[in-house]
Amino acid sequence: MGATWDPIDPAFRADPYPAYRALLEEAPLFESPYGLLIVSRYEDLMTILRSPGTSNDFRKSPRFAPAVEDEEVTPSFLFLDPPDHTRLRGLVNRAFTPRRIEQLRPRAQQIADEVFDRAAAAGGLEVVGDLAFPLPVLMICELLGVPAEDVDEFKEWSAATARGLDPSFTWPPGMLERFIELRSRALDYFGDLIARRRREPRDDLLSGLLEAEEQGDRLSESEVFSTLNLLLIAGHETTVNLIANGVLAFARYPEQFARVRQDPALIRSAVEEVLRFDPPVHMMGRLPVEDIEISCGTVPAMAELVMLPAASGRDPDQFNDPDTFDVTRADNRHLGFGFGIHHCLGAPLARLEAQVALGTLARRFGSVDLVTDPPPYKDNIVLRGVASLEVRLNGQ
């Protein structure tokens, strides 16, 4: 196939990897019909991610036009540059230390065991609704201090926000209006929750954010909202896809599933392989504030730049036999969590949740069979994942 990148094409959404392969081979610096400059090779992504000539604050672009005008809401630190990014991320970072995250493993295991107890009795499960969503959402709710019984309050908002990360030309009619309505509800919900935590602090991250001081500085109300919203959504939306993609890979490659069953220690490298082979995040944007030279040309300043970490994970110049799913793969330096100062803050938590979910699956069941292959996918482009995944589970 000729090199192309068309996220509106249903065939691309169902399986973008043939298109990624063509980009890697024929057009690693590709100007799409939508005016976006697409970069796919691993070496080039690393050059851009390391470059001081890039920004995450798209307000610096002369073409910046926010989909929703709201001066009261500060961008999350994901879309800020130093020193603002450094300050906000530093205030949150203390809650995501490896030691703090590892303390959450027993709770994650308890949730996974309960899910698989029910699955064993039923002979199968719908992976997204029964496992991949409940596990990370309950974990991030407990970490942040969001009442688990309120999950329905933000579930729809979270899905809309994840869809809102996609380029606006891919949005369905009426999405902007729906997005504004749901964000207003989220502002009301989180505003009430913040007020309650101010009155009655608890041992949770939200209370910590409200009390945090860094060199005499505190988060503003708007910064607390943006940070809480980012952590709540990023804390489960990506992990839902990671867990579901892992189960899908285990079902499609039973010999690899058998390897993890035979050697449970492989679960760590297996999760890293899922992050390379079929990652949750398929697009990363950066604003080049100056020209950047990469292996295949020049990224001009202020270009509308899109990087494809999922394509870079299949780059044969970086990974041997890249289209093979191999749970024993060593030196797997994928870009599934990004790189540099914007490397995913919640990566340790996502890894733990995926290790527990996929490791428990391998320990308790002899095989995983797909009811439907290929499964249906969500319309999302940036955070690509299955909409549902029905599997049959066979015992030891």
Foldseek 3Di string as FASTA:
>chain_A
DAAADDLLDPVCQLPVQVNLVNCLVPNQFDQHPVQATEHEAPQQQVLVLPDPQWALACVPFPPDDDLDDDPLADAALLRHDPPVVVVLCVLQLVCQDLVNLVVCLVVLLVLLVVLVVVCVVVQWDWCLVRPQQPSQLVVLCQQAVNDPVCCVLCVVLLVLVLQVVDPPVNDDPPSSVVNVVSVVSLCVVVVVVLVVCVVPPDPHSLVSLQVDDDPNDHDDPSNSSNHSSCCSNVRRLQLSQLQQLLLVVCQVCVVQLVVCLVPVVLLLLLSLLSLLQPGQFFKDWIARQAWGDDPPGIDHHRRRYIYGLNSNSQNCVVDPPSNDRHSVDPPSPGCSQHDDPSRNSNVSNSSSSNSSNSSVLSNFFNHKHWPDPPADWDSHDRRTHGPITIIGTHGD
